[in-house]
Amino acid sequence: MEFKKIQTKSIVVLLATTMLFACEGNLNEVKQMANQLQGPQSTTKDINLFYTDSGKVQANLRSPKMLDFSQEEFPYREFPIGVEVDFFDEDSTKNTIISDYAIIYNITNLIDLRGNVVIVTSDSTELNSQQLYWDESENWLFTDQPYTIKMPNGAVNDGEGFDANQNFDNFNSRTNTGIQYIDEQQ
């Protein structure tokens, strides 16, 4: 009887050990599969996306490539080859943003534009910087990087760091120098 108990215990220990090693093998396989799945959920090429509201075009986004990481814990979309976006106002005037790289964070609605960032407004005002953030939910732009603004009247403003509403009606520069033209008749 004692031999049967020992034999039964040995078989149970052997089965448990086998299962443990089998599970460890499966765990390693699962980890390898997870490592293979790292990367974008999808890749899109030659995007030409229109955003409409009530049948009216609000924006047009174009990019050679978009990587979608919406499966991540902090989801985002990346435009590694650059992006160009046209925004249309109520009167159909167009404002354009161009950059060499962009990333959109889905949860925070923060857009990070990098490399040769250019904004051209409908009145031909042009802003240039190497990096610019746009808080889409607050309609607010900001950067800590140097920037240059060229006004339609020829005025030029160079500075380092600013924040502004997206219409540039409220513009706060940390430091700036430039040439301003003032209409004395007004």
N, C-alpha and C. Protein backbone atom coordinates (compact mmCIF):
# COMPACT_ATOMS: atom_id res chain seq x y z
N MET A 1 0.82 -1.19 0.00
CA MET A 1 0.00 0.00 0.00
C MET A 1 0.87 1.26 0.00
N GLU A 2 1.92 1.21 0.83
CA GLU A 2 2.84 2.34 0.93
C GLU A 2 3.51 2.58 -0.42
N PHE A 3 3.86 1.55 -1.13
CA PHE A 3 4.48 1.67 -2.45
C PHE A 3 3.53 2.34 -3.44
N LYS A 4 2.24 1.99 -3.37
CA LYS A 4 1.24 2.58 -4.26
C LYS A 4 1.12 4.07 -4.02
N LYS A 5 1.17 4.51 -2.74
CA LYS A 5 1.08 5.94 -2.42
C LYS A 5 2.28 6.68 -2.99
N ILE A 6 3.45 6.12 -2.82
CA ILE A 6 4.68 6.74 -3.32
C ILE A 6 4.64 6.80 -4.85
N GLN A 7 4.19 5.72 -5.46
CA GLN A 7 4.10 5.67 -6.91
C GLN A 7 3.10 6.71 -7.42
N THR A 8 1.96 6.83 -6.75
CA THR A 8 0.93 7.80 -7.15
C THR A 8 1.47 9.22 -6.99
N LYS A 9 2.14 9.49 -5.86
CA LYS A 9 2.72 10.82 -5.64
C LYS A 9 3.77 11.14 -6.71
N SER A 10 4.56 10.15 -7.06
CA SER A 10 5.60 10.35 -8.08
C SER A 10 4.97 10.68 -9.43
N ILE A 11 3.90 9.98 -9.76
CA ILE A 11 3.21 10.24 -11.03
C ILE A 11 2.63 11.64 -11.03
N VAL A 12 2.01 12.07 -9.90
CA VAL A 12 1.43 13.41 -9.79
C VAL A 12 2.52 14.46 -9.93
N VAL A 13 3.65 14.28 -9.24
CA VAL A 13 4.76 15.23 -9.33
C VAL A 13 5.30 15.28 -10.75
N LEU A 14 5.42 14.14 -11.41
CA LEU A 14 5.91 14.08 -12.78
C LEU A 14 4.95 14.82 -13.73
N LEU A 15 3.65 14.60 -13.58
CA LEU A 15 2.67 15.29 -14.42
C LEU A 15 2.70 16.80 -14.17
N ALA A 16 2.76 17.21 -12.90
CA ALA A 16 2.81 18.64 -12.57
C ALA A 16 4.05 19.29 -13.15
N THR A 17 5.19 18.62 -13.06
CA THR A 17 6.45 19.15 -13.61
C THR A 17 6.35 19.26 -15.13
N THR A 18 5.79 18.25 -15.76
CA THR A 18 5.63 18.27 -17.22
C THR A 18 4.73 19.42 -17.64
N MET A 19 3.61 19.59 -16.91
CA MET A 19 2.69 20.68 -17.24
C MET A 19 3.36 22.04 -17.04
N LEU A 20 4.16 22.16 -15.98
CA LEU A 20 4.84 23.43 -15.71
C LEU A 20 5.79 23.78 -16.86
N PHE A 21 6.57 22.80 -17.32
CA PHE A 21 7.48 23.07 -18.43
C PHE A 21 6.72 23.31 -19.72
N ALA A 22 5.63 22.61 -19.91
CA ALA A 22 4.81 22.82 -21.11
C ALA A 22 4.22 24.22 -21.10
N CYS A 23 3.74 24.69 -19.94
CA CYS A 23 3.18 26.05 -19.84
C CYS A 23 4.26 27.08 -20.07
N GLU A 24 5.47 26.82 -19.53
CA GLU A 24 6.56 27.77 -19.72
C GLU A 24 6.90 27.87 -21.21
N GLY A 25 6.90 26.74 -21.90
CA GLY A 25 7.15 26.76 -23.34
C GLY A 25 6.09 27.57 -24.07
N ASN A 26 4.82 27.38 -23.71
CA ASN A 26 3.74 28.14 -24.32
C ASN A 26 3.86 29.62 -23.99
N LEU A 27 4.26 29.94 -22.77
CA LEU A 27 4.43 31.33 -22.37
C LEU A 27 5.51 32.00 -23.22
N ASN A 28 6.59 31.29 -23.46
CA ASN A 28 7.65 31.84 -24.31
C ASN A 28 7.15 32.06 -25.73
N GLU A 29 6.34 31.11 -26.23
CA GLU A 29 5.77 31.26 -27.57
C GLU A 29 4.85 32.48 -27.63
N VAL A 30 4.03 32.67 -26.60
CA VAL A 30 3.13 33.82 -26.55
C VAL A 30 3.93 35.12 -26.51
N LYS A 31 5.01 35.15 -25.71
CA LYS A 31 5.85 36.34 -25.65
C LYS A 31 6.48 36.63 -27.02
N GLN A 32 6.94 35.59 -27.71
CA GLN A 32 7.51 35.78 -29.05
C GLN A 32 6.46 36.32 -30.01
N MET A 33 5.24 35.79 -29.94
CA MET A 33 4.18 36.28 -30.81
C MET A 33 3.87 37.74 -30.51
N ALA A 34 3.85 38.11 -29.23
CA ALA A 34 3.58 39.49 -28.85
C ALA A 34 4.67 40.41 -29.39
N ASN A 35 5.93 39.96 -29.31
CA ASN A 35 7.03 40.76 -29.84
C ASN A 35 6.90 40.94 -31.35
N GLN A 36 6.43 39.90 -32.05
CA GLN A 36 6.25 40.00 -33.50
C GLN A 36 5.12 40.97 -33.83
N LEU A 37 4.13 41.11 -32.93
CA LEU A 37 2.99 41.96 -33.20
C LEU A 37 3.26 43.43 -32.84
N GLN A 38 4.40 43.72 -32.22
CA GLN A 38 4.71 45.10 -31.93
C GLN A 38 4.88 45.86 -33.23
N GLY A 39 4.42 47.07 -33.22
CA GLY A 39 4.46 47.86 -34.43
C GLY A 39 3.06 48.37 -34.71
N PRO A 40 2.88 48.99 -35.85
CA PRO A 40 1.58 49.59 -36.13
C PRO A 40 0.50 48.54 -36.35
N GLN A 41 -0.71 48.89 -35.94
CA GLN A 41 -1.86 48.03 -36.19
C GLN A 41 -2.16 47.99 -37.68
N SER A 42 -1.95 49.15 -38.33
CA SER A 42 -2.13 49.22 -39.78
C SER A 42 -1.22 50.30 -40.34
N THR A 43 -0.93 50.18 -41.62
CA THR A 43 -0.14 51.16 -42.35
C THR A 43 -0.96 51.59 -43.56
N THR A 44 -1.09 52.90 -43.75
CA THR A 44 -1.85 53.42 -44.87
C THR A 44 -0.92 54.27 -45.72
N LYS A 45 -1.03 54.15 -47.02
CA LYS A 45 -0.18 54.93 -47.93
C LYS A 45 -1.05 55.84 -48.79
N ASP A 46 -0.46 56.99 -49.15
CA ASP A 46 -1.10 57.97 -50.03
C ASP A 46 -2.49 58.37 -49.55
N ILE A 47 -2.53 58.93 -48.35
CA ILE A 47 -3.79 59.35 -47.75
C ILE A 47 -4.24 60.68 -48.35
N ASN A 48 -5.52 60.77 -48.61
CA ASN A 48 -6.16 62.03 -49.01
C ASN A 48 -7.52 62.02 -48.32
N LEU A 49 -7.55 62.47 -47.07
CA LEU A 49 -8.70 62.35 -46.20
C LEU A 49 -9.43 63.68 -46.08
N PHE A 50 -10.73 63.67 -46.27
CA PHE A 50 -11.56 64.87 -46.12
C PHE A 50 -12.40 64.74 -44.86
N TYR A 51 -12.44 65.82 -44.07
CA TYR A 51 -13.30 65.88 -42.89
C TYR A 51 -14.42 66.85 -43.21
N THR A 52 -15.66 66.38 -43.12
CA THR A 52 -16.81 67.23 -43.43
C THR A 52 -17.71 67.34 -42.22
N ASP A 53 -18.44 68.44 -42.17
CA ASP A 53 -19.46 68.66 -41.14
C ASP A 53 -20.68 69.25 -41.84
N SER A 54 -21.80 68.57 -41.75
CA SER A 54 -23.04 68.99 -42.41
C SER A 54 -22.83 69.19 -43.92
N GLY A 55 -22.06 68.30 -44.51
CA GLY A 55 -21.83 68.34 -45.95
C GLY A 55 -20.81 69.36 -46.41
N LYS A 56 -20.21 70.10 -45.49
CA LYS A 56 -19.23 71.12 -45.85
C LYS A 56 -17.83 70.65 -45.45
N VAL A 57 -16.87 70.76 -46.37
CA VAL A 57 -15.50 70.33 -46.10
C VAL A 57 -14.88 71.28 -45.07
N GLN A 58 -14.41 70.69 -43.96
CA GLN A 58 -13.75 71.45 -42.91
C GLN A 58 -12.22 71.35 -43.01
N ALA A 59 -11.74 70.16 -43.44
CA ALA A 59 -10.29 69.95 -43.52
C ALA A 59 -9.99 68.88 -44.56
N ASN A 60 -8.78 68.94 -45.10
CA ASN A 60 -8.28 67.96 -46.04
C ASN A 60 -6.85 67.60 -45.64
N LEU A 61 -6.63 66.35 -45.25
CA LEU A 61 -5.33 65.87 -44.81
C LEU A 61 -4.73 65.00 -45.91
N ARG A 62 -3.46 65.26 -46.23
CA ARG A 62 -2.74 64.47 -47.22
C ARG A 62 -1.40 64.04 -46.63
N SER A 63 -1.04 62.79 -46.87
CA SER A 63 0.23 62.27 -46.39
C SER A 63 0.62 61.04 -47.19
N PRO A 64 1.93 60.85 -47.43
CA PRO A 64 2.38 59.65 -48.14
C PRO A 64 2.21 58.38 -47.30
N LYS A 65 2.22 58.53 -45.94
CA LYS A 65 2.18 57.32 -45.10
C LYS A 65 1.67 57.64 -43.71
N MET A 66 0.79 56.76 -43.20
CA MET A 66 0.31 56.88 -41.82
C MET A 66 0.44 55.52 -41.14
N LEU A 67 0.97 55.53 -39.93
CA LEU A 67 1.06 54.33 -39.11
C LEU A 67 0.07 54.47 -37.96
N ASP A 68 -0.79 53.49 -37.80
CA ASP A 68 -1.84 53.54 -36.78
C ASP A 68 -1.46 52.64 -35.60
N PHE A 69 -1.24 53.27 -34.45
CA PHE A 69 -0.90 52.55 -33.23
C PHE A 69 -2.06 52.65 -32.23
N SER A 70 -3.29 52.49 -32.70
CA SER A 70 -4.44 52.65 -31.82
C SER A 70 -4.61 51.46 -30.87
N GLN A 71 -3.85 50.39 -31.05
CA GLN A 71 -3.91 49.25 -30.14
C GLN A 71 -3.06 49.48 -28.89
N GLU A 72 -2.24 50.50 -28.88
CA GLU A 72 -1.34 50.77 -27.75
C GLU A 72 -2.12 51.30 -26.54
N GLU A 73 -1.51 51.22 -25.38
CA GLU A 73 -2.14 51.73 -24.16
C GLU A 73 -2.39 53.24 -24.27
N PHE A 74 -1.45 53.97 -24.90
CA PHE A 74 -1.61 55.39 -25.18
C PHE A 74 -1.63 55.53 -26.70
N PRO A 75 -2.81 55.37 -27.32
CA PRO A 75 -2.90 55.26 -28.78
C PRO A 75 -2.49 56.54 -29.51
N TYR A 76 -1.94 56.35 -30.71
CA TYR A 76 -1.52 57.48 -31.54
C TYR A 76 -1.46 57.07 -33.00
N ARG A 77 -1.43 58.09 -33.86
CA ARG A 77 -1.22 57.90 -35.30
C ARG A 77 0.01 58.70 -35.68
N GLU A 78 0.87 58.10 -36.47
CA GLU A 78 2.15 58.72 -36.83
C GLU A 78 2.23 58.91 -38.34
N PHE A 79 2.75 60.06 -38.73
CA PHE A 79 2.96 60.39 -40.14
C PHE A 79 4.46 60.59 -40.34
N PRO A 80 5.22 59.50 -40.56
CA PRO A 80 6.68 59.59 -40.56
C PRO A 80 7.28 60.30 -41.77
N ILE A 81 6.54 60.44 -42.86
CA ILE A 81 7.09 61.07 -44.07
C ILE A 81 6.52 62.48 -44.25
N GLY A 82 5.71 62.92 -43.32
CA GLY A 82 5.17 64.27 -43.39
C GLY A 82 3.68 64.30 -43.60
N VAL A 83 3.17 65.52 -43.48
CA VAL A 83 1.73 65.72 -43.58
C VAL A 83 1.46 67.13 -44.11
N GLU A 84 0.35 67.28 -44.83
CA GLU A 84 -0.12 68.58 -45.28
C GLU A 84 -1.62 68.61 -45.01
N VAL A 85 -2.07 69.65 -44.29
CA VAL A 85 -3.48 69.76 -43.93
C VAL A 85 -3.99 71.14 -44.32
N ASP A 86 -5.11 71.16 -45.02
CA ASP A 86 -5.80 72.41 -45.34
C ASP A 86 -7.03 72.50 -44.45
N PHE A 87 -7.21 73.66 -43.80
CA PHE A 87 -8.40 73.93 -42.99
C PHE A 87 -9.21 75.00 -43.69
N PHE A 88 -10.50 74.80 -43.77
CA PHE A 88 -11.37 75.74 -44.46
C PHE A 88 -12.27 76.45 -43.47
N ASP A 89 -12.30 77.79 -43.54
CA ASP A 89 -13.16 78.60 -42.68
C ASP A 89 -14.57 78.63 -43.26
N GLU A 90 -15.47 79.28 -42.52
CA GLU A 90 -16.87 79.42 -42.96
C GLU A 90 -16.98 80.02 -44.36
N ASP A 91 -16.12 80.99 -44.65
CA ASP A 91 -16.18 81.66 -45.96
C ASP A 91 -15.33 80.95 -47.02
N SER A 92 -14.95 79.69 -46.75
CA SER A 92 -14.16 78.84 -47.65
C SER A 92 -12.72 79.29 -47.83
N THR A 93 -12.24 80.25 -47.01
CA THR A 93 -10.81 80.58 -47.07
C THR A 93 -10.02 79.43 -46.48
N LYS A 94 -8.77 79.31 -46.91
CA LYS A 94 -7.97 78.14 -46.57
C LYS A 94 -6.73 78.53 -45.76
N ASN A 95 -6.46 77.76 -44.70
CA ASN A 95 -5.23 77.84 -43.93
C ASN A 95 -4.55 76.48 -44.10
N THR A 96 -3.21 76.48 -44.26
CA THR A 96 -2.49 75.24 -44.55
C THR A 96 -1.37 75.03 -43.54
N ILE A 97 -1.22 73.78 -43.10
CA ILE A 97 -0.11 73.38 -42.22
C ILE A 97 0.65 72.27 -42.93
N ILE A 98 1.99 72.41 -42.97
CA ILE A 98 2.86 71.40 -43.59
C ILE A 98 3.98 71.08 -42.59
N SER A 99 4.34 69.81 -42.47
CA SER A 99 5.50 69.44 -41.66
C SER A 99 6.11 68.14 -42.20
N ASP A 100 7.38 67.92 -41.85
CA ASP A 100 8.09 66.72 -42.29
C ASP A 100 7.65 65.47 -41.52
N TYR A 101 7.09 65.67 -40.32
CA TYR A 101 6.71 64.55 -39.45
C TYR A 101 5.57 65.04 -38.57
N ALA A 102 4.65 64.13 -38.24
CA ALA A 102 3.57 64.49 -37.33
C ALA A 102 3.13 63.27 -36.56
N ILE A 103 2.64 63.52 -35.36
CA ILE A 103 2.08 62.45 -34.54
C ILE A 103 0.85 63.02 -33.83
N ILE A 104 -0.23 62.25 -33.86
CA ILE A 104 -1.49 62.67 -33.23
C ILE A 104 -1.77 61.70 -32.09
N TYR A 105 -1.89 62.25 -30.88
CA TYR A 105 -2.20 61.45 -29.71
C TYR A 105 -3.72 61.44 -29.52
N ASN A 106 -4.33 60.27 -29.67
CA ASN A 106 -5.78 60.14 -29.69
C ASN A 106 -6.45 60.59 -28.39
N ILE A 107 -5.89 60.25 -27.24
CA ILE A 107 -6.54 60.54 -25.96
C ILE A 107 -6.50 62.02 -25.63
N THR A 108 -5.37 62.67 -25.87
CA THR A 108 -5.20 64.07 -25.47
C THR A 108 -5.55 65.06 -26.57
N ASN A 109 -5.75 64.59 -27.81
CA ASN A 109 -5.99 65.47 -28.96
C ASN A 109 -4.84 66.44 -29.18
N LEU A 110 -3.65 66.05 -28.78
CA LEU A 110 -2.46 66.87 -29.00
C LEU A 110 -1.76 66.38 -30.26
N ILE A 111 -1.39 67.33 -31.12
CA ILE A 111 -0.71 67.02 -32.37
C ILE A 111 0.69 67.63 -32.31
N ASP A 112 1.69 66.81 -32.54
CA ASP A 112 3.09 67.22 -32.50
C ASP A 112 3.59 67.26 -33.94
N LEU A 113 3.91 68.45 -34.43
CA LEU A 113 4.43 68.64 -35.79
C LEU A 113 5.92 68.94 -35.68
N ARG A 114 6.73 68.25 -36.49
CA ARG A 114 8.18 68.44 -36.39
C ARG A 114 8.82 68.55 -37.77
N GLY A 115 9.87 69.32 -37.83
CA GLY A 115 10.68 69.42 -39.04
C GLY A 115 10.05 70.29 -40.11
N ASN A 116 10.63 71.45 -40.32
CA ASN A 116 10.16 72.37 -41.37
C ASN A 116 8.65 72.61 -41.30
N VAL A 117 8.18 72.95 -40.11
CA VAL A 117 6.76 73.23 -39.93
C VAL A 117 6.44 74.59 -40.54
N VAL A 118 5.44 74.63 -41.41
CA VAL A 118 5.02 75.86 -42.08
C VAL A 118 3.51 75.97 -41.94
N ILE A 119 3.06 77.15 -41.48
CA ILE A 119 1.63 77.46 -41.46
C ILE A 119 1.44 78.67 -42.37
N VAL A 120 0.52 78.55 -43.32
CA VAL A 120 0.18 79.67 -44.20
C VAL A 120 -1.31 79.94 -43.99
N THR A 121 -1.62 81.15 -43.51
CA THR A 121 -3.01 81.50 -43.26
C THR A 121 -3.65 82.06 -44.52
N SER A 122 -4.95 82.22 -44.47
CA SER A 122 -5.69 82.69 -45.65
C SER A 122 -5.29 84.10 -46.07
N ASP A 123 -4.74 84.90 -45.15
CA ASP A 123 -4.29 86.25 -45.53
C ASP A 123 -2.81 86.28 -45.91
N SER A 124 -2.21 85.10 -46.14
CA SER A 124 -0.81 84.93 -46.57
C SER A 124 0.21 85.14 -45.47
N THR A 125 -0.20 85.19 -44.21
CA THR A 125 0.76 85.19 -43.11
C THR A 125 1.41 83.82 -43.08
N GLU A 126 2.75 83.80 -42.91
CA GLU A 126 3.47 82.52 -42.91
C GLU A 126 4.29 82.39 -41.64
N LEU A 127 4.10 81.27 -40.93
CA LEU A 127 4.86 80.97 -39.73
C LEU A 127 5.73 79.76 -40.02
N ASN A 128 7.02 79.84 -39.63
CA ASN A 128 7.97 78.74 -39.81
C ASN A 128 8.60 78.40 -38.47
N SER A 129 8.72 77.10 -38.18
CA SER A 129 9.37 76.63 -36.96
C SER A 129 9.82 75.19 -37.19
N GLN A 130 10.65 74.68 -36.30
CA GLN A 130 11.08 73.28 -36.40
C GLN A 130 10.16 72.35 -35.64
N GLN A 131 9.38 72.89 -34.70
CA GLN A 131 8.43 72.07 -33.97
C GLN A 131 7.28 72.94 -33.52
N LEU A 132 6.09 72.36 -33.56
CA LEU A 132 4.89 73.09 -33.16
C LEU A 132 3.90 72.08 -32.61
N TYR A 133 3.28 72.42 -31.50
CA TYR A 133 2.22 71.59 -30.93
C TYR A 133 0.89 72.28 -31.18
N TRP A 134 -0.13 71.47 -31.46
CA TRP A 134 -1.47 72.00 -31.63
C TRP A 134 -2.39 71.20 -30.73
N ASP A 135 -3.00 71.91 -29.77
CA ASP A 135 -3.99 71.29 -28.89
C ASP A 135 -5.34 71.44 -29.59
N GLU A 136 -5.77 70.39 -30.24
CA GLU A 136 -6.97 70.43 -31.08
C GLU A 136 -8.23 70.73 -30.26
N SER A 137 -8.31 70.20 -29.04
CA SER A 137 -9.51 70.42 -28.23
C SER A 137 -9.60 71.86 -27.73
N GLU A 138 -8.47 72.53 -27.54
CA GLU A 138 -8.46 73.92 -27.07
C GLU A 138 -8.23 74.92 -28.22
N ASN A 139 -7.99 74.40 -29.43
CA ASN A 139 -7.67 75.26 -30.59
C ASN A 139 -6.50 76.20 -30.27
N TRP A 140 -5.45 75.63 -29.71
CA TRP A 140 -4.31 76.41 -29.23
C TRP A 140 -3.02 75.85 -29.80
N LEU A 141 -2.11 76.72 -30.27
CA LEU A 141 -0.81 76.35 -30.81
C LEU A 141 0.28 76.83 -29.87
N PHE A 142 1.38 76.06 -29.77
CA PHE A 142 2.49 76.51 -28.93
C PHE A 142 3.78 75.79 -29.31
N THR A 143 4.89 76.44 -28.97
CA THR A 143 6.22 75.86 -29.18
C THR A 143 7.22 76.54 -28.25
N ASP A 144 8.31 75.85 -27.97
CA ASP A 144 9.44 76.43 -27.25
C ASP A 144 10.60 76.67 -28.22
N GLN A 145 10.40 76.34 -29.47
CA GLN A 145 11.43 76.45 -30.49
C GLN A 145 11.44 77.85 -31.13
N PRO A 146 12.56 78.21 -31.77
CA PRO A 146 12.59 79.46 -32.53
C PRO A 146 11.56 79.43 -33.66
N TYR A 147 11.05 80.60 -34.01
CA TYR A 147 10.06 80.71 -35.07
C TYR A 147 10.27 82.01 -35.83
N THR A 148 9.70 82.07 -37.04
CA THR A 148 9.69 83.27 -37.85
C THR A 148 8.28 83.45 -38.40
N ILE A 149 7.76 84.68 -38.31
CA ILE A 149 6.46 85.00 -38.91
C ILE A 149 6.69 86.09 -39.95
N LYS A 150 6.16 85.85 -41.14
CA LYS A 150 6.21 86.85 -42.22
C LYS A 150 4.77 87.29 -42.48
N MET A 151 4.53 88.59 -42.30
CA MET A 151 3.19 89.14 -42.50
C MET A 151 3.00 89.54 -43.96
N PRO A 152 1.76 89.62 -44.41
CA PRO A 152 1.50 89.99 -45.81
C PRO A 152 2.03 91.38 -46.18
N ASN A 153 2.16 92.28 -45.19
CA ASN A 153 2.65 93.63 -45.48
C ASN A 153 4.18 93.71 -45.49
N GLY A 154 4.87 92.57 -45.32
CA GLY A 154 6.32 92.56 -45.34
C GLY A 154 6.96 92.54 -43.96
N ALA A 155 6.19 92.74 -42.91
CA ALA A 155 6.73 92.69 -41.55
C ALA A 155 7.23 91.28 -41.25
N VAL A 156 8.35 91.23 -40.51
CA VAL A 156 8.94 89.95 -40.13
C VAL A 156 9.17 89.96 -38.63
N ASN A 157 8.86 88.83 -38.00
CA ASN A 157 9.02 88.71 -36.56
C ASN A 157 9.74 87.40 -36.27
N ASP A 158 10.91 87.48 -35.62
CA ASP A 158 11.66 86.29 -35.21
C ASP A 158 11.58 86.20 -33.70
N GLY A 159 11.35 85.00 -33.20
CA GLY A 159 11.25 84.84 -31.76
C GLY A 159 11.58 83.43 -31.33
N GLU A 160 11.50 83.23 -30.03
CA GLU A 160 11.73 81.90 -29.48
C GLU A 160 10.60 81.60 -28.52
N GLY A 161 9.77 80.66 -28.89
CA GLY A 161 8.67 80.22 -28.06
C GLY A 161 7.47 81.14 -28.14
N PHE A 162 6.30 80.56 -28.38
CA PHE A 162 5.06 81.33 -28.37
C PHE A 162 3.90 80.40 -28.08
N ASP A 163 2.79 80.99 -27.74
CA ASP A 163 1.53 80.27 -27.73
C ASP A 163 0.47 81.21 -28.28
N ALA A 164 -0.52 80.62 -28.98
CA ALA A 164 -1.52 81.44 -29.66
C ALA A 164 -2.77 80.60 -29.92
N ASN A 165 -3.90 81.31 -30.09
CA ASN A 165 -5.08 80.59 -30.55
C ASN A 165 -4.87 80.27 -32.03
N GLN A 166 -5.66 79.38 -32.57
CA GLN A 166 -5.38 78.91 -33.93
C GLN A 166 -5.64 79.96 -35.00
N ASN A 167 -6.34 81.04 -34.66
CA ASN A 167 -6.53 82.14 -35.61
C ASN A 167 -5.45 83.21 -35.49
N PHE A 168 -4.56 83.06 -34.50
CA PHE A 168 -3.49 84.02 -34.21
C PHE A 168 -4.05 85.37 -33.78
N ASP A 169 -5.31 85.42 -33.32
CA ASP A 169 -5.87 86.66 -32.77
C ASP A 169 -5.23 86.97 -31.42
N ASN A 170 -4.89 85.93 -30.68
CA ASN A 170 -4.26 86.06 -29.37
C ASN A 170 -2.90 85.38 -29.48
N PHE A 171 -1.82 86.17 -29.58
CA PHE A 171 -0.47 85.65 -29.82
C PHE A 171 0.45 86.14 -28.71
N ASN A 172 1.05 85.21 -27.96
CA ASN A 172 1.98 85.55 -26.88
C ASN A 172 3.35 84.99 -27.19
N SER A 173 4.33 85.88 -27.42
CA SER A 173 5.69 85.47 -27.73
C SER A 173 6.56 85.66 -26.50
N ARG A 174 7.48 84.71 -26.24
CA ARG A 174 8.37 84.86 -25.09
C ARG A 174 9.45 85.89 -25.37
N THR A 175 10.07 85.79 -26.54
CA THR A 175 11.04 86.81 -26.97
C THR A 175 10.86 86.99 -28.46
N ASN A 176 11.04 88.21 -28.94
CA ASN A 176 10.97 88.41 -30.38
C ASN A 176 11.64 89.70 -30.78
N THR A 177 12.08 89.71 -32.01
CA THR A 177 12.62 90.90 -32.65
C THR A 177 12.07 90.91 -34.06
N GLY A 178 12.02 92.07 -34.67
CA GLY A 178 11.52 92.10 -36.02
C GLY A 178 11.30 93.49 -36.55
N ILE A 179 10.78 93.53 -37.73
CA ILE A 179 10.45 94.78 -38.40
C ILE A 179 8.94 94.83 -38.53
N GLN A 180 8.34 95.88 -37.99
CA GLN A 180 6.89 96.04 -38.06
C GLN A 180 6.57 97.28 -38.89
N TYR A 181 5.53 97.21 -39.68
CA TYR A 181 5.07 98.35 -40.45
C TYR A 181 3.75 98.82 -39.86
N ILE A 182 3.69 100.12 -39.57
CA ILE A 182 2.50 100.70 -38.96
C ILE A 182 1.87 101.67 -39.93
N ASP A 183 0.57 101.51 -40.14
CA ASP A 183 -0.18 102.41 -41.04
C ASP A 183 -0.52 103.66 -40.23
N GLU A 184 0.11 104.78 -40.54
CA GLU A 184 -0.08 106.01 -39.78
C GLU A 184 -1.46 106.63 -40.02
N GLN A 185 -2.16 106.22 -41.05
CA GLN A 185 -3.46 106.81 -41.35
C GLN A 185 -4.53 106.25 -40.40
N GLN A 186 -4.30 105.17 -39.76
CA GLN A 186 -5.30 104.59 -38.88
C GLN A 186 -5.19 105.11 -37.49
